[in-house]
């Protein structure tokens, strides 16, 4: 399928891990680990052991024939929060490429050169598509303005995210500011949409490091917006995760 993978980074080569844990991971470069779960012919579901139900971008069901000489990719599932997933609930393996493309990190350094990933827009563009968003902002630096070359102007882009399978929606904004150091100052902001004055109660905002560990986290409670400020060097990765109930959405970034 021409997916760039790193088999050497898999834990299948670690005898200690394989002895005590049921793991069959495949590292997809720059995105994360897929878990490859075997299925015997005639089985109606794919088992997902407890040890691999986190730190995975997806689970691929692989049917292995009795001769052990032939395999069939049955499909995949994005979340592994259950012990067993019926094969009837698997997504087509044809959709895997599109899904992995969605998970590719957003290259923030390119924003400084006006190269912006699909789905991200200026605040002005979002205002035109969602006029009610204007009432949610309190910051005077929402719309970018031109400036001379020696004046640093923050670069800000936003994206609308649906939560709870479309029942709720928020706007995620990321702003960049260059400094005298190699570091780039970054702000992550979440605002309500659809005319709401507050974010959904119990909405969680998390900033994760490249290992998926939380660096910052906050929960909305009658909150107008959530804001985190951080900095990083070009080449570093981080993720922003929004969670509401059992639903979550994650955006991956490369500085």
C-alpha atoms as a PDB file:
ATOM      1  CA  UNK A   1       0.000   0.000   0.000  1.00  0.00           C
ATOM      2  CA  UNK A   2       3.138   2.197  -0.100  1.00  0.00           C
ATOM      3  CA  UNK A   3       2.722   3.256   3.538  1.00  0.00           C
ATOM      4  CA  UNK A   4       6.089   4.302   4.991  1.00  0.00           C
ATOM      5  CA  UNK A   5       6.720   2.047   8.002  1.00  0.00           C
ATOM      6  CA  UNK A   6       9.606   1.249  10.346  1.00  0.00           C
ATOM      7  CA  UNK A   7       9.512  -2.450  11.188  1.00  0.00           C
ATOM      8  CA  UNK A   8      12.722  -2.181  13.231  1.00  0.00           C
ATOM      9  CA  UNK A   9      10.897   0.067  15.711  1.00  0.00           C
ATOM     10  CA  UNK A  10       8.347  -2.659  16.460  1.00  0.00           C
ATOM     11  CA  UNK A  11       8.302  -4.419  19.824  1.00  0.00           C
ATOM     12  CA  UNK A  12       8.047  -7.783  18.062  1.00  0.00           C
ATOM     13  CA  UNK A  13      11.862  -7.919  18.261  1.00  0.00           C
ATOM     14  CA  UNK A  14      11.940  -7.454  22.036  1.00  0.00           C
ATOM     15  CA  UNK A  15      11.952 -10.946  23.616  1.00  0.00           C
ATOM     16  CA  UNK A  16      11.135  -9.657  27.095  1.00  0.00           C
ATOM     17  CA  UNK A  17       8.032  -7.797  25.875  1.00  0.00           C
ATOM     18  CA  UNK A  18       6.906 -10.684  23.684  1.00  0.00           C
ATOM     19  CA  UNK A  19       7.235 -13.156  26.548  1.00  0.00           C
ATOM     20  CA  UNK A  20       4.891 -11.302  28.858  1.00  0.00           C
ATOM     21  CA  UNK A  21       2.684  -9.187  26.549  1.00  0.00           C
ATOM     22  CA  UNK A  22       0.510  -9.905  23.508  1.00  0.00           C
ATOM     23  CA  UNK A  23       1.805  -7.212  21.156  1.00  0.00           C
ATOM     24  CA  UNK A  24       2.105  -6.986  17.357  1.00  0.00           C
ATOM     25  CA  UNK A  25       2.769  -3.325  16.575  1.00  0.00           C
ATOM     26  CA  UNK A  26       3.851  -1.710  13.324  1.00  0.00           C
ATOM     27  CA  UNK A  27       5.311   1.804  13.413  1.00  0.00           C
ATOM     28  CA  UNK A  28       3.986   4.145  10.715  1.00  0.00           C
ATOM     29  CA  UNK A  29       6.675   6.792  10.299  1.00  0.00           C
ATOM     30  CA  UNK A  30       5.755  10.196  11.625  1.00  0.00           C
ATOM     31  CA  UNK A  31       2.234   9.118  12.649  1.00  0.00           C
ATOM     32  CA  UNK A  32       2.224   6.348  15.274  1.00  0.00           C
ATOM     33  CA  UNK A  33       1.773   2.623  15.812  1.00  0.00           C
ATOM     34  CA  UNK A  34      -0.776   0.342  14.190  1.00  0.00           C
ATOM     35  CA  UNK A  35      -1.618  -2.866  16.064  1.00  0.00           C
ATOM     36  CA  UNK A  36      -1.965  -5.943  13.839  1.00  0.00           C
ATOM     37  CA  UNK A  37      -4.392  -8.411  15.449  1.00  0.00           C
ATOM     38  CA  UNK A  38      -4.677 -11.941  14.073  1.00  0.00           C
ATOM     39  CA  UNK A  39      -8.016 -13.636  13.414  1.00  0.00           C
ATOM     40  CA  UNK A  40      -8.542 -17.345  12.771  1.00  0.00           C
ATOM     41  CA  UNK A  41     -10.786 -18.416   9.854  1.00  0.00           C
ATOM     42  CA  UNK A  42     -14.392 -18.585  10.988  1.00  0.00           C
ATOM     43  CA  UNK A  43     -14.003 -16.180  13.911  1.00  0.00           C
ATOM     44  CA  UNK A  44     -16.608 -13.414  14.130  1.00  0.00           C
ATOM     45  CA  UNK A  45     -14.531 -10.874  16.012  1.00  0.00           C
ATOM     46  CA  UNK A  46     -11.020  -9.591  16.607  1.00  0.00           C
ATOM     47  CA  UNK A  47      -9.577  -9.608  20.133  1.00  0.00           C
ATOM     48  CA  UNK A  48      -7.756  -6.554  21.498  1.00  0.00           C
ATOM     49  CA  UNK A  49      -5.654  -7.316  24.614  1.00  0.00           C
ATOM     50  CA  UNK A  50      -5.637  -4.803  27.446  1.00  0.00           C
ATOM     51  CA  UNK A  51      -1.948  -4.000  26.957  1.00  0.00           C
ATOM     52  CA  UNK A  52      -2.515  -2.532  23.474  1.00  0.00           C
ATOM     53  CA  UNK A  53      -5.704  -0.547  24.069  1.00  0.00           C
ATOM     54  CA  UNK A  54      -3.753   2.714  24.289  1.00  0.00           C
ATOM     55  CA  UNK A  55      -0.831   4.273  22.413  1.00  0.00           C
ATOM     56  CA  UNK A  56      -2.193   2.988  19.085  1.00  0.00           C
ATOM     57  CA  UNK A  57      -3.535   4.899  16.086  1.00  0.00           C
ATOM     58  CA  UNK A  58      -5.585   1.908  14.939  1.00  0.00           C
ATOM     59  CA  UNK A  59      -6.029  -1.859  14.856  1.00  0.00           C
ATOM     60  CA  UNK A  60      -5.838  -3.953  11.699  1.00  0.00           C
ATOM     61  CA  UNK A  61      -7.541  -7.366  11.675  1.00  0.00           C
ATOM     62  CA  UNK A  62      -5.427  -9.953   9.847  1.00  0.00           C
ATOM     63  CA  UNK A  63      -6.887 -13.374   9.045  1.00  0.00           C
ATOM     64  CA  UNK A  64      -4.199 -16.059   9.028  1.00  0.00           C
ATOM     65  CA  UNK A  65      -4.970 -19.264   7.154  1.00  0.00           C
ATOM     66  CA  UNK A  66      -4.450 -22.669   8.714  1.00  0.00           C
ATOM     67  CA  UNK A  67      -1.426 -23.261   6.497  1.00  0.00           C
ATOM     68  CA  UNK A  68       0.165 -20.078   7.920  1.00  0.00           C
ATOM     69  CA  UNK A  69       1.190 -19.252   4.350  1.00  0.00           C
ATOM     70  CA  UNK A  70      -1.622 -16.868   3.482  1.00  0.00           C
ATOM     71  CA  UNK A  71      -3.068 -13.805   5.205  1.00  0.00           C
ATOM     72  CA  UNK A  72      -6.001 -11.529   4.458  1.00  0.00           C
ATOM     73  CA  UNK A  73      -6.483  -7.963   5.668  1.00  0.00           C
ATOM     74  CA  UNK A  74     -10.088  -7.918   6.895  1.00  0.00           C
ATOM     75  CA  UNK A  75     -10.346  -4.248   7.850  1.00  0.00           C
ATOM     76  CA  UNK A  76      -9.452  -1.921  10.676  1.00  0.00           C
ATOM     77  CA  UNK A  77     -10.890  -0.063  13.650  1.00  0.00           C
ATOM     78  CA  UNK A  78      -9.661   3.269  14.992  1.00  0.00           C
ATOM     79  CA  UNK A  79     -10.359   2.729  18.700  1.00  0.00           C
ATOM     80  CA  UNK A  80      -9.408  -0.305  20.757  1.00  0.00           C
ATOM     81  CA  UNK A  81     -11.463   0.351  23.855  1.00  0.00           C
ATOM     82  CA  UNK A  82     -13.122  -3.079  23.824  1.00  0.00           C
ATOM     83  CA  UNK A  83     -11.909  -6.599  24.449  1.00  0.00           C
ATOM     84  CA  UNK A  84     -13.493  -7.849  21.228  1.00  0.00           C
ATOM     85  CA  UNK A  85     -14.674  -6.009  18.109  1.00  0.00           C
ATOM     86  CA  UNK A  86     -17.132  -7.773  15.752  1.00  0.00           C
ATOM     87  CA  UNK A  87     -15.756  -8.126  12.238  1.00  0.00           C
ATOM     88  CA  UNK A  88     -18.973  -6.570  10.977  1.00  0.00           C
ATOM     89  CA  UNK A  89     -17.948  -3.270  12.626  1.00  0.00           C
ATOM     90  CA  UNK A  90     -14.563  -3.036  10.896  1.00  0.00           C
ATOM     91  CA  UNK A  91     -13.953  -0.268   8.404  1.00  0.00           C
ATOM     92  CA  UNK A  92     -12.804  -1.276   4.936  1.00  0.00           C
ATOM     93  CA  UNK A  93      -9.044  -1.599   4.590  1.00  0.00           C
ATOM     94  CA  UNK A  94      -9.421   0.688   1.552  1.00  0.00           C
ATOM     95  CA  UNK A  95     -10.153   3.554   3.975  1.00  0.00           C
ATOM     96  CA  UNK A  96      -6.908   3.040   5.894  1.00  0.00           C
ATOM     97  CA  UNK A  97      -4.821   5.251   3.608  1.00  0.00           C
ATOM     98  CA  UNK A  98      -7.248   8.147   3.945  1.00  0.00           C
ATOM     99  CA  UNK A  99      -7.353   7.699   7.726  1.00  0.00           C
ATOM    100  CA  UNK A 100      -3.546   7.706   8.023  1.00  0.00           C
ATOM    101  CA  UNK A 101      -3.378  10.810   5.864  1.00  0.00           C
ATOM    102  CA  UNK A 102      -5.682  12.572   8.323  1.00  0.00           C
ATOM    103  CA  UNK A 103      -3.281  11.688  11.149  1.00  0.00           C
ATOM    104  CA  UNK A 104      -0.207  13.202   9.525  1.00  0.00           C
ATOM    105  CA  UNK A 105       1.108  16.031  11.698  1.00  0.00           C
ATOM    106  CA  UNK A 106       0.340  19.611  10.753  1.00  0.00           C
ATOM    107  CA  UNK A 107       3.631  21.306   9.845  1.00  0.00           C
ATOM    108  CA  UNK A 108       3.532  24.559  11.807  1.00  0.00           C
ATOM    109  CA  UNK A 109       6.862  25.892  10.517  1.00  0.00           C
ATOM    110  CA  UNK A 110       5.381  25.990   7.027  1.00  0.00           C
ATOM    111  CA  UNK A 111       2.667  28.343   8.289  1.00  0.00           C
ATOM    112  CA  UNK A 112       5.388  30.968   8.702  1.00  0.00           C
ATOM    113  CA  UNK A 113       5.886  30.757   4.925  1.00  0.00           C
ATOM    114  CA  UNK A 114       2.143  30.889   4.211  1.00  0.00           C
ATOM    115  CA  UNK A 115       1.948  27.161   3.414  1.00  0.00           C
ATOM    116  CA  UNK A 116      -1.120  25.976   5.327  1.00  0.00           C
ATOM    117  CA  UNK A 117      -2.530  22.479   5.686  1.00  0.00           C
ATOM    118  CA  UNK A 118      -5.985  21.647   4.372  1.00  0.00           C
ATOM    119  CA  UNK A 119      -8.773  22.407   6.817  1.00  0.00           C
ATOM    120  CA  UNK A 120      -6.968  25.253   8.593  1.00  0.00           C
ATOM    121  CA  UNK A 121      -8.112  28.810   7.918  1.00  0.00           C
ATOM    122  CA  UNK A 122      -7.488  32.367   9.022  1.00  0.00           C
ATOM    123  CA  UNK A 123      -9.812  33.749  11.660  1.00  0.00           C
ATOM    124  CA  UNK A 124     -11.263  36.082   9.031  1.00  0.00           C
ATOM    125  CA  UNK A 125     -12.184  33.145   6.783  1.00  0.00           C
ATOM    126  CA  UNK A 126     -13.830  31.328   9.681  1.00  0.00           C
ATOM    127  CA  UNK A 127     -15.723  34.490  10.594  1.00  0.00           C
ATOM    128  CA  UNK A 128     -17.120  34.646   7.081  1.00  0.00           C
ATOM    129  CA  UNK A 129     -18.316  31.035   7.257  1.00  0.00           C
ATOM    130  CA  UNK A 130     -19.427  31.267  10.907  1.00  0.00           C
ATOM    131  CA  UNK A 131     -20.322  34.906  11.726  1.00  0.00           C
ATOM    132  CA  UNK A 132     -21.423  33.923  15.233  1.00  0.00           C
ATOM    133  CA  UNK A 133     -17.788  33.068  16.034  1.00  0.00           C
ATOM    134  CA  UNK A 134     -16.924  36.765  16.221  1.00  0.00           C
ATOM    135  CA  UNK A 135     -18.833  37.122  19.474  1.00  0.00           C
ATOM    136  CA  UNK A 136     -16.788  34.387  21.138  1.00  0.00           C
ATOM    137  CA  UNK A 137     -13.431  36.140  20.860  1.00  0.00           C
ATOM    138  CA  UNK A 138     -11.962  38.476  23.433  1.00  0.00           C
ATOM    139  CA  UNK A 139      -8.451  38.773  21.938  1.00  0.00           C
ATOM    140  CA  UNK A 140      -7.523  41.835  19.837  1.00  0.00           C
ATOM    141  CA  UNK A 141      -5.076  39.719  17.780  1.00  0.00           C
ATOM    142  CA  UNK A 142      -7.610  37.600  15.955  1.00  0.00           C
ATOM    143  CA  UNK A 143      -7.155  38.915  12.412  1.00  0.00           C
ATOM    144  CA  UNK A 144      -3.632  38.991  11.002  1.00  0.00           C
ATOM    145  CA  UNK A 145      -2.347  42.247   9.590  1.00  0.00           C
ATOM    146  CA  UNK A 146       0.504  42.936   7.213  1.00  0.00           C
ATOM    147  CA  UNK A 147       3.687  44.348   8.670  1.00  0.00           C
ATOM    148  CA  UNK A 148       7.194  45.293   7.652  1.00  0.00           C
ATOM    149  CA  UNK A 149       9.776  42.525   7.515  1.00  0.00           C
ATOM    150  CA  UNK A 150      11.405  43.518  10.807  1.00  0.00           C
ATOM    151  CA  UNK A 151       8.178  43.370  12.820  1.00  0.00           C
ATOM    152  CA  UNK A 152       7.045  40.006  14.088  1.00  0.00           C
ATOM    153  CA  UNK A 153       3.365  39.338  13.526  1.00  0.00           C
ATOM    154  CA  UNK A 154       1.698  36.259  14.996  1.00  0.00           C
ATOM    155  CA  UNK A 155       0.440  33.693  12.511  1.00  0.00           C
ATOM    156  CA  UNK A 156      -2.932  32.316  13.587  1.00  0.00           C
ATOM    157  CA  UNK A 157      -5.010  29.572  12.002  1.00  0.00           C
ATOM    158  CA  UNK A 158      -8.217  27.900  13.090  1.00  0.00           C
ATOM    159  CA  UNK A 159     -10.208  24.753  12.455  1.00  0.00           C
ATOM    160  CA  UNK A 160     -13.749  23.677  13.351  1.00  0.00           C
ATOM    161  CA  UNK A 161     -13.910  20.359  15.201  1.00  0.00           C
ATOM    162  CA  UNK A 162     -17.006  18.250  15.723  1.00  0.00           C
ATOM    163  CA  UNK A 163     -17.404  16.471  19.054  1.00  0.00           C
ATOM    164  CA  UNK A 164     -19.746  13.707  20.185  1.00  0.00           C
ATOM    165  CA  UNK A 165     -20.391  12.584  16.618  1.00  0.00           C
ATOM    166  CA  UNK A 166     -21.492  16.031  15.501  1.00  0.00           C
ATOM    167  CA  UNK A 167     -23.623  16.959  18.521  1.00  0.00           C
ATOM    168  CA  UNK A 168     -21.149  19.607  19.674  1.00  0.00           C
ATOM    169  CA  UNK A 169     -18.698  21.800  17.802  1.00  0.00           C
ATOM    170  CA  UNK A 170     -15.777  23.980  18.884  1.00  0.00           C
ATOM    171  CA  UNK A 171     -13.145  26.100  17.137  1.00  0.00           C
ATOM    172  CA  UNK A 172      -9.491  25.239  17.711  1.00  0.00           C
ATOM    173  CA  UNK A 173      -6.965  28.030  17.049  1.00  0.00           C
ATOM    174  CA  UNK A 174      -3.190  27.734  17.007  1.00  0.00           C
ATOM    175  CA  UNK A 175      -1.024  30.856  16.968  1.00  0.00           C
ATOM    176  CA  UNK A 176       2.722  31.038  16.266  1.00  0.00           C
ATOM    177  CA  UNK A 177       5.213  33.737  17.157  1.00  0.00           C
ATOM    178  CA  UNK A 178       8.906  33.562  16.277  1.00  0.00           C
ATOM    179  CA  UNK A 179      11.495  34.627  18.861  1.00  0.00           C
ATOM    180  CA  UNK A 180      15.194  35.546  18.883  1.00  0.00           C
ATOM    181  CA  UNK A 181      15.892  31.959  19.946  1.00  0.00           C
ATOM    182  CA  UNK A 182      15.316  28.820  17.855  1.00  0.00           C
ATOM    183  CA  UNK A 183      12.139  28.285  19.899  1.00  0.00           C
ATOM    184  CA  UNK A 184       8.732  29.265  18.537  1.00  0.00           C
ATOM    185  CA  UNK A 185       6.084  30.490  20.973  1.00  0.00           C
ATOM    186  CA  UNK A 186       2.770  28.709  20.473  1.00  0.00           C
ATOM    187  CA  UNK A 187      -0.681  29.340  21.873  1.00  0.00           C
ATOM    188  CA  UNK A 188      -3.527  26.822  21.676  1.00  0.00           C
ATOM    189  CA  UNK A 189      -7.054  28.180  22.111  1.00  0.00           C
ATOM    190  CA  UNK A 190     -10.515  26.614  22.031  1.00  0.00           C
ATOM    191  CA  UNK A 191     -13.704  28.657  21.586  1.00  0.00           C
ATOM    192  CA  UNK A 192     -17.409  27.759  21.406  1.00  0.00           C
ATOM    193  CA  UNK A 193     -19.321  27.990  18.115  1.00  0.00           C
ATOM    194  CA  UNK A 194     -22.954  27.998  16.966  1.00  0.00           C
ATOM    195  CA  UNK A 195     -23.776  31.089  19.001  1.00  0.00           C
ATOM    196  CA  UNK A 196     -22.815  29.501  22.319  1.00  0.00           C
ATOM    197  CA  UNK A 197     -21.139  31.733  24.909  1.00  0.00           C
ATOM    198  CA  UNK A 198     -19.494  28.873  26.824  1.00  0.00           C
ATOM    199  CA  UNK A 199     -17.682  25.697  25.884  1.00  0.00           C
ATOM    200  CA  UNK A 200     -19.452  22.366  26.517  1.00  0.00           C
ATOM    201  CA  UNK A 201     -19.222  21.452  30.190  1.00  0.00           C
ATOM    202  CA  UNK A 202     -16.563  18.836  30.993  1.00  0.00           C
ATOM    203  CA  UNK A 203     -14.776  19.421  27.687  1.00  0.00           C
ATOM    204  CA  UNK A 204     -11.133  18.513  28.281  1.00  0.00           C
ATOM    205  CA  UNK A 205      -8.230  20.166  26.483  1.00  0.00           C
ATOM    206  CA  UNK A 206      -4.869  18.406  26.641  1.00  0.00           C
ATOM    207  CA  UNK A 207      -1.468  19.098  25.133  1.00  0.00           C
ATOM    208  CA  UNK A 208       0.521  15.853  24.737  1.00  0.00           C
ATOM    209  CA  UNK A 209       4.213  15.283  24.102  1.00  0.00           C
ATOM    210  CA  UNK A 210       5.562  13.065  21.313  1.00  0.00           C
ATOM    211  CA  UNK A 211       5.050  10.006  23.552  1.00  0.00           C
ATOM    212  CA  UNK A 212       1.394  10.848  24.123  1.00  0.00           C
ATOM    213  CA  UNK A 213       1.950  11.933  27.728  1.00  0.00           C
ATOM    214  CA  UNK A 214       0.027  15.005  28.965  1.00  0.00           C
ATOM    215  CA  UNK A 215       2.041  18.204  29.298  1.00  0.00           C
ATOM    216  CA  UNK A 216      -0.950  20.429  30.095  1.00  0.00           C
ATOM    217  CA  UNK A 217      -4.633  19.745  30.648  1.00  0.00           C
ATOM    218  CA  UNK A 218      -7.739  21.668  31.641  1.00  0.00           C
ATOM    219  CA  UNK A 219     -11.479  21.074  31.856  1.00  0.00           C
ATOM    220  CA  UNK A 220     -14.232  23.506  30.863  1.00  0.00           C
ATOM    221  CA  UNK A 221     -16.872  24.384  33.461  1.00  0.00           C
ATOM    222  CA  UNK A 222     -19.041  27.300  32.300  1.00  0.00           C
ATOM    223  CA  UNK A 223     -15.869  28.465  30.566  1.00  0.00           C
ATOM    224  CA  UNK A 224     -15.792  30.983  27.707  1.00  0.00           C
ATOM    225  CA  UNK A 225     -12.566  29.589  26.258  1.00  0.00           C
ATOM    226  CA  UNK A 226      -9.482  27.535  27.103  1.00  0.00           C
ATOM    227  CA  UNK A 227      -5.931  28.718  26.410  1.00  0.00           C
ATOM    228  CA  UNK A 228      -2.514  27.073  26.712  1.00  0.00           C
ATOM    229  CA  UNK A 229       0.842  28.661  25.933  1.00  0.00           C
ATOM    230  CA  UNK A 230       3.985  26.664  25.167  1.00  0.00           C
ATOM    231  CA  UNK A 231       7.160  26.846  23.120  1.00  0.00           C
ATOM    232  CA  UNK A 232       9.203  24.390  21.117  1.00  0.00           C
ATOM    233  CA  UNK A 233      12.033  24.032  18.650  1.00  0.00           C
ATOM    234  CA  UNK A 234      11.622  23.202  14.958  1.00  0.00           C
ATOM    235  CA  UNK A 235      11.444  19.443  14.497  1.00  0.00           C
ATOM    236  CA  UNK A 236       9.630  18.733  17.771  1.00  0.00           C
ATOM    237  CA  UNK A 237       6.212  17.032  17.846  1.00  0.00           C
ATOM    238  CA  UNK A 238       3.200  17.611  20.081  1.00  0.00           C
ATOM    239  CA  UNK A 239      -0.522  16.861  19.965  1.00  0.00           C
ATOM    240  CA  UNK A 240      -3.688  18.626  21.046  1.00  0.00           C
ATOM    241  CA  UNK A 241      -6.472  16.359  22.302  1.00  0.00           C
ATOM    242  CA  UNK A 242     -10.078  17.385  22.953  1.00  0.00           C
ATOM    243  CA  UNK A 243     -12.254  14.940  24.863  1.00  0.00           C
ATOM    244  CA  UNK A 244     -15.949  15.108  25.720  1.00  0.00           C
ATOM    245  CA  UNK A 245     -17.394  12.050  27.428  1.00  0.00           C
ATOM    246  CA  UNK A 246     -16.239   8.937  25.581  1.00  0.00           C
ATOM    247  CA  UNK A 247     -15.501  10.912  22.412  1.00  0.00           C
ATOM    248  CA  UNK A 248     -12.121  12.450  21.628  1.00  0.00           C
ATOM    249  CA  UNK A 249     -10.355  14.048  18.684  1.00  0.00           C
ATOM    250  CA  UNK A 250      -6.602  14.596  18.377  1.00  0.00           C
ATOM    251  CA  UNK A 251      -4.646  16.955  16.145  1.00  0.00           C
ATOM    252  CA  UNK A 252      -0.924  16.210  15.673  1.00  0.00           C
ATOM    253  CA  UNK A 253       1.619  18.967  15.069  1.00  0.00           C
ATOM    254  CA  UNK A 254       5.221  19.225  13.905  1.00  0.00           C
ATOM    255  CA  UNK A 255       6.973  22.459  14.809  1.00  0.00           C
END
